[in-house]
mmCIF file of all heavy atoms, coordinates in Angstrom:
data_MODEL
# 
_entry.id   MODEL 
# 
loop_
_atom_site.group_PDB 
_atom_site.id 
_atom_site.type_symbol 
_atom_site.label_atom_id 
_atom_site.label_alt_id 
_atom_site.label_comp_id 
_atom_site.label_asym_id 
_atom_site.label_entity_id 
_atom_site.label_seq_id 
_atom_site.pdbx_PDB_ins_code 
_atom_site.Cartn_x 
_atom_site.Cartn_y 
_atom_site.Cartn_z 
_atom_site.occupancy 
_atom_site.B_iso_or_equiv 
_atom_site.pdbx_formal_charge 
_atom_site.auth_seq_id 
_atom_site.auth_comp_id 
_atom_site.auth_asym_id 
_atom_site.auth_atom_id 
_atom_site.pdbx_PDB_model_num 
ATOM 1   N N   . PRO A 1 1  ? 13.275  29.965 -16.753 1.00 0.00 ? 1  PRO A N   1 
ATOM 2   C CA  . PRO A 1 1  ? 11.886  29.478 -16.672 1.00 0.00 ? 1  PRO A CA  1 
ATOM 3   C C   . PRO A 1 1  ? 10.923  30.531 -16.139 1.00 0.00 ? 1  PRO A C   1 
ATOM 4   O O   . PRO A 1 1  ? 9.758   30.587 -16.553 1.00 0.00 ? 1  PRO A O   1 
ATOM 5   C CB  . PRO A 1 1  ? 11.983  28.282 -15.718 1.00 0.00 ? 1  PRO A CB  1 
ATOM 6   C CG  . PRO A 1 1  ? 13.243  28.467 -14.957 1.00 0.00 ? 1  PRO A CG  1 
ATOM 7   C CD  . PRO A 1 1  ? 14.171  29.188 -15.877 1.00 0.00 ? 1  PRO A CD  1 
ATOM 8   N N   . PHE A 1 2  ? 11.408  31.379 -15.233 1.00 0.00 ? 2  PHE A N   1 
ATOM 9   C CA  . PHE A 1 2  ? 10.568  32.430 -14.663 1.00 0.00 ? 2  PHE A CA  1 
ATOM 10  C C   . PHE A 1 2  ? 10.116  33.401 -15.751 1.00 0.00 ? 2  PHE A C   1 
ATOM 11  O O   . PHE A 1 2  ? 8.937   33.770 -15.847 1.00 0.00 ? 2  PHE A O   1 
ATOM 12  C CB  . PHE A 1 2  ? 11.369  33.163 -13.578 1.00 0.00 ? 2  PHE A CB  1 
ATOM 13  C CG  . PHE A 1 2  ? 10.580  34.193 -12.833 1.00 0.00 ? 2  PHE A CG  1 
ATOM 14  C CD1 . PHE A 1 2  ? 9.550   33.827 -11.987 1.00 0.00 ? 2  PHE A CD1 1 
ATOM 15  C CD2 . PHE A 1 2  ? 10.870  35.551 -12.975 1.00 0.00 ? 2  PHE A CD2 1 
ATOM 16  C CE1 . PHE A 1 2  ? 8.816   34.774 -11.293 1.00 0.00 ? 2  PHE A CE1 1 
ATOM 17  C CE2 . PHE A 1 2  ? 10.149  36.507 -12.295 1.00 0.00 ? 2  PHE A CE2 1 
ATOM 18  C CZ  . PHE A 1 2  ? 9.120   36.115 -11.447 1.00 0.00 ? 2  PHE A CZ  1 
ATOM 19  N N   . ILE A 1 3  ? 11.055  33.804 -16.617 1.00 0.00 ? 3  ILE A N   1 
ATOM 20  C CA  . ILE A 1 3  ? 10.732  34.736 -17.703 1.00 0.00 ? 3  ILE A CA  1 
ATOM 21  C C   . ILE A 1 3  ? 9.815   34.074 -18.724 1.00 0.00 ? 3  ILE A C   1 
ATOM 22  O O   . ILE A 1 3  ? 8.891   34.695 -19.249 1.00 0.00 ? 3  ILE A O   1 
ATOM 23  C CB  . ILE A 1 3  ? 12.036  35.237 -18.363 1.00 0.00 ? 3  ILE A CB  1 
ATOM 24  C CG1 . ILE A 1 3  ? 12.769  36.186 -17.410 1.00 0.00 ? 3  ILE A CG1 1 
ATOM 25  C CG2 . ILE A 1 3  ? 11.745  35.941 -19.679 1.00 0.00 ? 3  ILE A CG2 1 
ATOM 26  C CD1 . ILE A 1 3  ? 14.141  36.599 -17.880 1.00 0.00 ? 3  ILE A CD1 1 
ATOM 27  N N   . ILE A 1 4  ? 10.070  32.786 -19.009 1.00 0.00 ? 4  ILE A N   1 
ATOM 28  C CA  . ILE A 1 4  ? 9.230   32.067 -19.973 1.00 0.00 ? 4  ILE A CA  1 
ATOM 29  C C   . ILE A 1 4  ? 7.777   32.014 -19.484 1.00 0.00 ? 4  ILE A C   1 
ATOM 30  O O   . ILE A 1 4  ? 6.835   32.210 -20.257 1.00 0.00 ? 4  ILE A O   1 
ATOM 31  C CB  . ILE A 1 4  ? 9.782   30.643 -20.200 1.00 0.00 ? 4  ILE A CB  1 
ATOM 32  C CG1 . ILE A 1 4  ? 11.089  30.718 -20.998 1.00 0.00 ? 4  ILE A CG1 1 
ATOM 33  C CG2 . ILE A 1 4  ? 8.767   29.772 -20.941 1.00 0.00 ? 4  ILE A CG2 1 
ATOM 34  C CD1 . ILE A 1 4  ? 11.806  29.399 -21.122 1.00 0.00 ? 4  ILE A CD1 1 
ATOM 35  N N   . VAL A 1 5  ? 7.593   31.769 -18.192 1.00 0.00 ? 5  VAL A N   1 
ATOM 36  C CA  . VAL A 1 5  ? 6.238   31.714 -17.621 1.00 0.00 ? 5  VAL A CA  1 
ATOM 37  C C   . VAL A 1 5  ? 5.548   33.075 -17.746 1.00 0.00 ? 5  VAL A C   1 
ATOM 38  O O   . VAL A 1 5  ? 4.377   33.170 -18.143 1.00 0.00 ? 5  VAL A O   1 
ATOM 39  C CB  . VAL A 1 5  ? 6.294   31.262 -16.148 1.00 0.00 ? 5  VAL A CB  1 
ATOM 40  C CG1 . VAL A 1 5  ? 4.938   31.463 -15.474 1.00 0.00 ? 5  VAL A CG1 1 
ATOM 41  C CG2 . VAL A 1 5  ? 6.712   29.809 -16.054 1.00 0.00 ? 5  VAL A CG2 1 
ATOM 42  N N   . ILE A 1 6  ? 6.279   34.149 -17.428 1.00 0.00 ? 6  ILE A N   1 
ATOM 43  C CA  . ILE A 1 6  ? 5.688   35.495 -17.488 1.00 0.00 ? 6  ILE A CA  1 
ATOM 44  C C   . ILE A 1 6  ? 5.319   35.858 -18.925 1.00 0.00 ? 6  ILE A C   1 
ATOM 45  O O   . ILE A 1 6  ? 4.208   36.333 -19.206 1.00 0.00 ? 6  ILE A O   1 
ATOM 46  C CB  . ILE A 1 6  ? 6.668   36.535 -16.902 1.00 0.00 ? 6  ILE A CB  1 
ATOM 47  C CG1 . ILE A 1 6  ? 6.803   36.334 -15.391 1.00 0.00 ? 6  ILE A CG1 1 
ATOM 48  C CG2 . ILE A 1 6  ? 6.185   37.956 -17.200 1.00 0.00 ? 6  ILE A CG2 1 
ATOM 49  C CD1 . ILE A 1 6  ? 7.777   37.272 -14.728 1.00 0.00 ? 6  ILE A CD1 1 
ATOM 50  N N   . LEU A 1 7  ? 6.256   35.620 -19.855 1.00 0.00 ? 7  LEU A N   1 
ATOM 51  C CA  . LEU A 1 7  ? 5.978   35.947 -21.257 1.00 0.00 ? 7  LEU A CA  1 
ATOM 52  C C   . LEU A 1 7  ? 4.850   35.095 -21.814 1.00 0.00 ? 7  LEU A C   1 
ATOM 53  O O   . LEU A 1 7  ? 3.987   35.582 -22.552 1.00 0.00 ? 7  LEU A O   1 
ATOM 54  C CB  . LEU A 1 7  ? 7.246   35.757 -22.100 1.00 0.00 ? 7  LEU A CB  1 
ATOM 55  C CG  . LEU A 1 7  ? 8.377   36.743 -21.864 1.00 0.00 ? 7  LEU A CG  1 
ATOM 56  C CD1 . LEU A 1 7  ? 9.523   36.465 -22.820 1.00 0.00 ? 7  LEU A CD1 1 
ATOM 57  C CD2 . LEU A 1 7  ? 7.900   38.165 -22.033 1.00 0.00 ? 7  LEU A CD2 1 
ATOM 58  N N   . GLY A 1 8  ? 4.873   33.798 -21.460 1.00 0.00 ? 8  GLY A N   1 
ATOM 59  C CA  . GLY A 1 8  ? 3.805   32.912 -21.922 1.00 0.00 ? 8  GLY A CA  1 
ATOM 60  C C   . GLY A 1 8  ? 2.451   33.352 -21.404 1.00 0.00 ? 8  GLY A C   1 
ATOM 61  O O   . GLY A 1 8  ? 1.458   33.359 -22.154 1.00 0.00 ? 8  GLY A O   1 
ATOM 62  N N   . GLY A 1 9  ? 2.399   33.744 -20.122 1.00 0.00 ? 9  GLY A N   1 
ATOM 63  C CA  . GLY A 1 9  ? 1.136   34.198 -19.557 1.00 0.00 ? 9  GLY A CA  1 
ATOM 64  C C   . GLY A 1 9  ? 0.649   35.494 -20.172 1.00 0.00 ? 9  GLY A C   1 
ATOM 65  O O   . GLY A 1 9  ? -0.544  35.653 -20.476 1.00 0.00 ? 9  GLY A O   1 
ATOM 66  N N   . LEU A 1 10 ? 1.579   36.430 -20.421 1.00 0.00 ? 10 LEU A N   1 
ATOM 67  C CA  . LEU A 1 10 ? 1.200   37.740 -20.949 1.00 0.00 ? 10 LEU A CA  1 
ATOM 68  C C   . LEU A 1 10 ? 0.752   37.648 -22.406 1.00 0.00 ? 10 LEU A C   1 
ATOM 69  O O   . LEU A 1 10 ? -0.388  38.003 -22.755 1.00 0.00 ? 10 LEU A O   1 
ATOM 70  C CB  . LEU A 1 10 ? 2.393   38.700 -20.823 1.00 0.00 ? 10 LEU A CB  1 
ATOM 71  C CG  . LEU A 1 10 ? 2.172   40.136 -21.303 1.00 0.00 ? 10 LEU A CG  1 
ATOM 72  C CD1 . LEU A 1 10 ? 1.115   40.818 -20.447 1.00 0.00 ? 10 LEU A CD1 1 
ATOM 73  C CD2 . LEU A 1 10 ? 3.481   40.912 -21.240 1.00 0.00 ? 10 LEU A CD2 1 
ATOM 74  N N   . ILE A 1 11 ? 1.649   37.152 -23.258 1.00 0.00 ? 11 ILE A N   1 
ATOM 75  C CA  . ILE A 1 11 ? 1.336   37.090 -24.686 1.00 0.00 ? 11 ILE A CA  1 
ATOM 76  C C   . ILE A 1 11 ? 0.280   36.020 -24.969 1.00 0.00 ? 11 ILE A C   1 
ATOM 77  O O   . ILE A 1 11 ? -0.632  36.212 -25.783 1.00 0.00 ? 11 ILE A O   1 
ATOM 78  C CB  . ILE A 1 11 ? 2.627   36.826 -25.498 1.00 0.00 ? 11 ILE A CB  1 
ATOM 79  C CG1 . ILE A 1 11 ? 3.604   37.993 -25.286 1.00 0.00 ? 11 ILE A CG1 1 
ATOM 80  C CG2 . ILE A 1 11 ? 2.317   36.660 -26.987 1.00 0.00 ? 11 ILE A CG2 1 
ATOM 81  C CD1 . ILE A 1 11 ? 4.952   37.805 -25.920 1.00 0.00 ? 11 ILE A CD1 1 
ATOM 82  N N   . GLY A 1 12 ? 0.400   34.885 -24.256 1.00 0.00 ? 12 GLY A N   1 
ATOM 83  C CA  . GLY A 1 12 ? -0.611  33.834 -24.426 1.00 0.00 ? 12 GLY A CA  1 
ATOM 84  C C   . GLY A 1 12 ? -1.990  34.293 -24.017 1.00 0.00 ? 12 GLY A C   1 
ATOM 85  O O   . GLY A 1 12 ? -2.989  33.959 -24.668 1.00 0.00 ? 12 GLY A O   1 
ATOM 86  N N   . GLY A 1 13 ? -2.077  35.072 -22.941 1.00 0.00 ? 13 GLY A N   1 
ATOM 87  C CA  . GLY A 1 13 ? -3.367  35.601 -22.492 1.00 0.00 ? 13 GLY A CA  1 
ATOM 88  C C   . GLY A 1 13 ? -3.996  36.499 -23.537 1.00 0.00 ? 13 GLY A C   1 
ATOM 89  O O   . GLY A 1 13 ? -5.213  36.443 -23.786 1.00 0.00 ? 13 GLY A O   1 
ATOM 90  N N   . ILE A 1 14 ? -3.167  37.350 -24.174 1.00 0.00 ? 14 ILE A N   1 
ATOM 91  C CA  . ILE A 1 14 ? -3.684  38.243 -25.220 1.00 0.00 ? 14 ILE A CA  1 
ATOM 92  C C   . ILE A 1 14 ? -4.198  37.429 -26.409 1.00 0.00 ? 14 ILE A C   1 
ATOM 93  O O   . ILE A 1 14 ? -5.292  37.688 -26.942 1.00 0.00 ? 14 ILE A O   1 
ATOM 94  C CB  . ILE A 1 14 ? -2.583  39.230 -25.670 1.00 0.00 ? 14 ILE A CB  1 
ATOM 95  C CG1 . ILE A 1 14 ? -2.211  40.164 -24.516 1.00 0.00 ? 14 ILE A CG1 1 
ATOM 96  C CG2 . ILE A 1 14 ? -3.045  40.035 -26.880 1.00 0.00 ? 14 ILE A CG2 1 
ATOM 97  C CD1 . ILE A 1 14 ? -1.027  41.067 -24.811 1.00 0.00 ? 14 ILE A CD1 1 
ATOM 98  N N   . VAL A 1 15 ? -3.415  36.436 -26.831 1.00 0.00 ? 15 VAL A N   1 
ATOM 99  C CA  . VAL A 1 15 ? -3.796  35.620 -27.989 1.00 0.00 ? 15 VAL A CA  1 
ATOM 100 C C   . VAL A 1 15 ? -5.085  34.851 -27.719 1.00 0.00 ? 15 VAL A C   1 
ATOM 101 O O   . VAL A 1 15 ? -6.009  34.818 -28.552 1.00 0.00 ? 15 VAL A O   1 
ATOM 102 C CB  . VAL A 1 15 ? -2.647  34.653 -28.366 1.00 0.00 ? 15 VAL A CB  1 
ATOM 103 C CG1 . VAL A 1 15 ? -3.102  33.661 -29.426 1.00 0.00 ? 15 VAL A CG1 1 
ATOM 104 C CG2 . VAL A 1 15 ? -1.434  35.433 -28.850 1.00 0.00 ? 15 VAL A CG2 1 
ATOM 105 N N   . VAL A 1 16 ? -5.179  34.231 -26.529 1.00 0.00 ? 16 VAL A N   1 
ATOM 106 C CA  . VAL A 1 16 ? -6.374  33.450 -26.182 1.00 0.00 ? 16 VAL A CA  1 
ATOM 107 C C   . VAL A 1 16 ? -7.611  34.348 -26.127 1.00 0.00 ? 16 VAL A C   1 
ATOM 108 O O   . VAL A 1 16 ? -8.696  33.973 -26.608 1.00 0.00 ? 16 VAL A O   1 
ATOM 109 C CB  . VAL A 1 16 ? -6.170  32.715 -24.845 1.00 0.00 ? 16 VAL A CB  1 
ATOM 110 C CG1 . VAL A 1 16 ? -7.490  32.115 -24.349 1.00 0.00 ? 16 VAL A CG1 1 
ATOM 111 C CG2 . VAL A 1 16 ? -5.123  31.614 -24.995 1.00 0.00 ? 16 VAL A CG2 1 
ATOM 112 N N   . SER A 1 17 ? -7.462  35.545 -25.544 1.00 0.00 ? 17 SER A N   1 
ATOM 113 C CA  . SER A 1 17 ? -8.612  36.456 -25.452 1.00 0.00 ? 17 SER A CA  1 
ATOM 114 C C   . SER A 1 17 ? -9.093  36.879 -26.838 1.00 0.00 ? 17 SER A C   1 
ATOM 115 O O   . SER A 1 17 ? -10.285 37.136 -27.048 1.00 0.00 ? 17 SER A O   1 
ATOM 116 C CB  . SER A 1 17 ? -8.253  37.686 -24.627 1.00 0.00 ? 17 SER A CB  1 
ATOM 117 O OG  . SER A 1 17 ? -7.257  38.447 -25.278 1.00 0.00 ? 17 SER A OG  1 
ATOM 118 N N   . MET A 1 18 ? -8.178  36.939 -27.810 1.00 0.00 ? 18 MET A N   1 
ATOM 119 C CA  . MET A 1 18 ? -8.571  37.293 -29.173 1.00 0.00 ? 18 MET A CA  1 
ATOM 120 C C   . MET A 1 18 ? -9.253  36.131 -29.903 1.00 0.00 ? 18 MET A C   1 
ATOM 121 O O   . MET A 1 18 ? -10.085 36.355 -30.791 1.00 0.00 ? 18 MET A O   1 
ATOM 122 C CB  . MET A 1 18 ? -7.324  37.729 -29.972 1.00 0.00 ? 18 MET A CB  1 
ATOM 123 C CG  . MET A 1 18 ? -6.773  39.095 -29.589 1.00 0.00 ? 18 MET A CG  1 
ATOM 124 S SD  . MET A 1 18 ? -7.908  40.451 -29.995 1.00 0.00 ? 18 MET A SD  1 
ATOM 125 C CE  . MET A 1 18 ? -8.692  40.716 -28.415 1.00 0.00 ? 18 MET A CE  1 
ATOM 126 N N   . TYR A 1 19 ? -8.908  34.912 -29.535 1.00 0.00 ? 19 TYR A N   1 
ATOM 127 C CA  . TYR A 1 19 ? -9.505  33.751 -30.207 1.00 0.00 ? 19 TYR A CA  1 
ATOM 128 C C   . TYR A 1 19 ? -10.790 33.263 -29.533 1.00 0.00 ? 19 TYR A C   1 
ATOM 129 O O   . TYR A 1 19 ? -11.509 32.441 -30.107 1.00 0.00 ? 19 TYR A O   1 
ATOM 130 C CB  . TYR A 1 19 ? -8.491  32.603 -30.277 1.00 0.00 ? 19 TYR A CB  1 
ATOM 131 C CG  . TYR A 1 19 ? -7.555  32.714 -31.451 1.00 0.00 ? 19 TYR A CG  1 
ATOM 132 C CD1 . TYR A 1 19 ? -6.300  33.289 -31.313 1.00 0.00 ? 19 TYR A CD1 1 
ATOM 133 C CD2 . TYR A 1 19 ? -7.937  32.260 -32.713 1.00 0.00 ? 19 TYR A CD2 1 
ATOM 134 C CE1 . TYR A 1 19 ? -5.438  33.410 -32.388 1.00 0.00 ? 19 TYR A CE1 1 
ATOM 135 C CE2 . TYR A 1 19 ? -7.086  32.368 -33.797 1.00 0.00 ? 19 TYR A CE2 1 
ATOM 136 C CZ  . TYR A 1 19 ? -5.836  32.943 -33.628 1.00 0.00 ? 19 TYR A CZ  1 
ATOM 137 O OH  . TYR A 1 19 ? -4.993  33.053 -34.705 1.00 0.00 ? 19 TYR A OH  1 
ATOM 138 N N   . MET A 1 20 ? -11.087 33.758 -28.330 1.00 0.00 ? 20 MET A N   1 
ATOM 139 C CA  . MET A 1 20 ? -12.291 33.322 -27.618 1.00 0.00 ? 20 MET A CA  1 
ATOM 140 C C   . MET A 1 20 ? -13.575 33.568 -28.411 1.00 0.00 ? 20 MET A C   1 
ATOM 141 O O   . MET A 1 20 ? -14.452 32.686 -28.475 1.00 0.00 ? 20 MET A O   1 
ATOM 142 C CB  . MET A 1 20 ? -12.377 33.993 -26.245 1.00 0.00 ? 20 MET A CB  1 
ATOM 143 C CG  . MET A 1 20 ? -11.435 33.373 -25.220 1.00 0.00 ? 20 MET A CG  1 
ATOM 144 S SD  . MET A 1 20 ? -11.507 34.206 -23.609 1.00 0.00 ? 20 MET A SD  1 
ATOM 145 C CE  . MET A 1 20 ? -13.131 33.709 -23.059 1.00 0.00 ? 20 MET A CE  1 
ATOM 146 N N   . PRO A 1 21 ? -13.755 34.739 -29.028 1.00 0.00 ? 21 PRO A N   1 
ATOM 147 C CA  . PRO A 1 21 ? -14.983 34.932 -29.836 1.00 0.00 ? 21 PRO A CA  1 
ATOM 148 C C   . PRO A 1 21 ? -15.086 33.937 -30.994 1.00 0.00 ? 21 PRO A C   1 
ATOM 149 O O   . PRO A 1 21 ? -16.195 33.507 -31.348 1.00 0.00 ? 21 PRO A O   1 
ATOM 150 C CB  . PRO A 1 21 ? -14.843 36.369 -30.351 1.00 0.00 ? 21 PRO A CB  1 
ATOM 151 C CG  . PRO A 1 21 ? -13.925 37.034 -29.392 1.00 0.00 ? 21 PRO A CG  1 
ATOM 152 C CD  . PRO A 1 21 ? -12.961 35.978 -28.958 1.00 0.00 ? 21 PRO A CD  1 
ATOM 153 N N   . ILE A 1 22 ? -13.948 33.588 -31.592 1.00 0.00 ? 22 ILE A N   1 
ATOM 154 C CA  . ILE A 1 22 ? -13.955 32.629 -32.699 1.00 0.00 ? 22 ILE A CA  1 
ATOM 155 C C   . ILE A 1 22 ? -14.399 31.264 -32.206 1.00 0.00 ? 22 ILE A C   1 
ATOM 156 O O   . ILE A 1 22 ? -15.199 30.568 -32.851 1.00 0.00 ? 22 ILE A O   1 
ATOM 157 C CB  . ILE A 1 22 ? -12.562 32.572 -33.358 1.00 0.00 ? 22 ILE A CB  1 
ATOM 158 C CG1 . ILE A 1 22 ? -12.191 33.951 -33.920 1.00 0.00 ? 22 ILE A CG1 1 
ATOM 159 C CG2 . ILE A 1 22 ? -12.519 31.512 -34.456 1.00 0.00 ? 22 ILE A CG2 1 
ATOM 160 C CD1 . ILE A 1 22 ? -10.791 34.047 -34.489 1.00 0.00 ? 22 ILE A CD1 1 
ATOM 161 N N   . PHE A 1 23 ? -13.882 30.848 -31.022 1.00 0.00 ? 23 PHE A N   1 
ATOM 162 C CA  . PHE A 1 23 ? -14.303 29.576 -30.433 1.00 0.00 ? 23 PHE A CA  1 
ATOM 163 C C   . PHE A 1 23 ? -15.800 29.589 -30.139 1.00 0.00 ? 23 PHE A C   1 
ATOM 164 O O   . PHE A 1 23 ? -16.516 28.593 -30.348 1.00 0.00 ? 23 PHE A O   1 
ATOM 165 C CB  . PHE A 1 23 ? -13.531 29.299 -29.134 1.00 0.00 ? 23 PHE A CB  1 
ATOM 166 C CG  . PHE A 1 23 ? -12.048 29.157 -29.330 1.00 0.00 ? 23 PHE A CG  1 
ATOM 167 C CD1 . PHE A 1 23 ? -11.163 29.491 -28.307 1.00 0.00 ? 23 PHE A CD1 1 
ATOM 168 C CD2 . PHE A 1 23 ? -11.531 28.671 -30.525 1.00 0.00 ? 23 PHE A CD2 1 
ATOM 169 C CE1 . PHE A 1 23 ? -9.808  29.356 -28.489 1.00 0.00 ? 23 PHE A CE1 1 
ATOM 170 C CE2 . PHE A 1 23 ? -10.163 28.531 -30.708 1.00 0.00 ? 23 PHE A CE2 1 
ATOM 171 C CZ  . PHE A 1 23 ? -9.294  28.873 -29.685 1.00 0.00 ? 23 PHE A CZ  1 
ATOM 172 N N   . LYS A 1 24 ? -16.296 30.745 -29.649 1.00 0.00 ? 24 LYS A N   1 
ATOM 173 C CA  . LYS A 1 24 ? -17.706 30.877 -29.299 1.00 0.00 ? 24 LYS A CA  1 
ATOM 174 C C   . LYS A 1 24 ? -18.577 30.735 -30.548 1.00 0.00 ? 24 LYS A C   1 
ATOM 175 O O   . LYS A 1 24 ? -19.625 30.073 -30.535 1.00 0.00 ? 24 LYS A O   1 
ATOM 176 C CB  . LYS A 1 24 ? -17.933 32.235 -28.630 1.00 0.00 ? 24 LYS A CB  1 
ATOM 177 C CG  . LYS A 1 24 ? -19.299 32.398 -28.003 1.00 0.00 ? 24 LYS A CG  1 
ATOM 178 C CD  . LYS A 1 24 ? -19.369 33.737 -27.247 1.00 0.00 ? 24 LYS A CD  1 
ATOM 179 C CE  . LYS A 1 24 ? -20.736 33.914 -26.628 1.00 0.00 ? 24 LYS A CE  1 
ATOM 180 N NZ  . LYS A 1 24 ? -20.855 35.214 -25.931 1.00 0.00 ? 24 LYS A NZ  1 
ATOM 181 N N   . LEU A 1 25 ? -18.152 31.343 -31.647 1.00 0.00 ? 25 LEU A N   1 
ATOM 182 C CA  . LEU A 1 25 ? -18.894 31.226 -32.908 1.00 0.00 ? 25 LEU A CA  1 
ATOM 183 C C   . LEU A 1 25 ? -18.892 29.791 -33.412 1.00 0.00 ? 25 LEU A C   1 
ATOM 184 O O   . LEU A 1 25 ? -19.888 29.297 -33.945 1.00 0.00 ? 25 LEU A O   1 
ATOM 185 C CB  . LEU A 1 25 ? -18.265 32.142 -33.969 1.00 0.00 ? 25 LEU A CB  1 
ATOM 186 C CG  . LEU A 1 25 ? -18.576 33.641 -33.843 1.00 0.00 ? 25 LEU A CG  1 
ATOM 187 C CD1 . LEU A 1 25 ? -17.744 34.429 -34.849 1.00 0.00 ? 25 LEU A CD1 1 
ATOM 188 C CD2 . LEU A 1 25 ? -20.057 33.886 -34.068 1.00 0.00 ? 25 LEU A CD2 1 
ATOM 189 N N   . GLY A 1 26 ? -17.790 29.111 -33.234 1.00 0.00 ? 26 GLY A N   1 
ATOM 190 C CA  . GLY A 1 26 ? -17.709 27.708 -33.647 1.00 0.00 ? 26 GLY A CA  1 
ATOM 191 C C   . GLY A 1 26 ? -18.695 26.849 -32.886 1.00 0.00 ? 26 GLY A C   1 
ATOM 192 O O   . GLY A 1 26 ? -19.310 25.937 -33.454 1.00 0.00 ? 26 GLY A O   1 
# 
């Protein structure tokens, strides 16, 4: 679970930051 949290935070953070402009345009 510790590794899952770290990977989720790292990769998820990158993905969310890339989709934020799209959400803003919407």
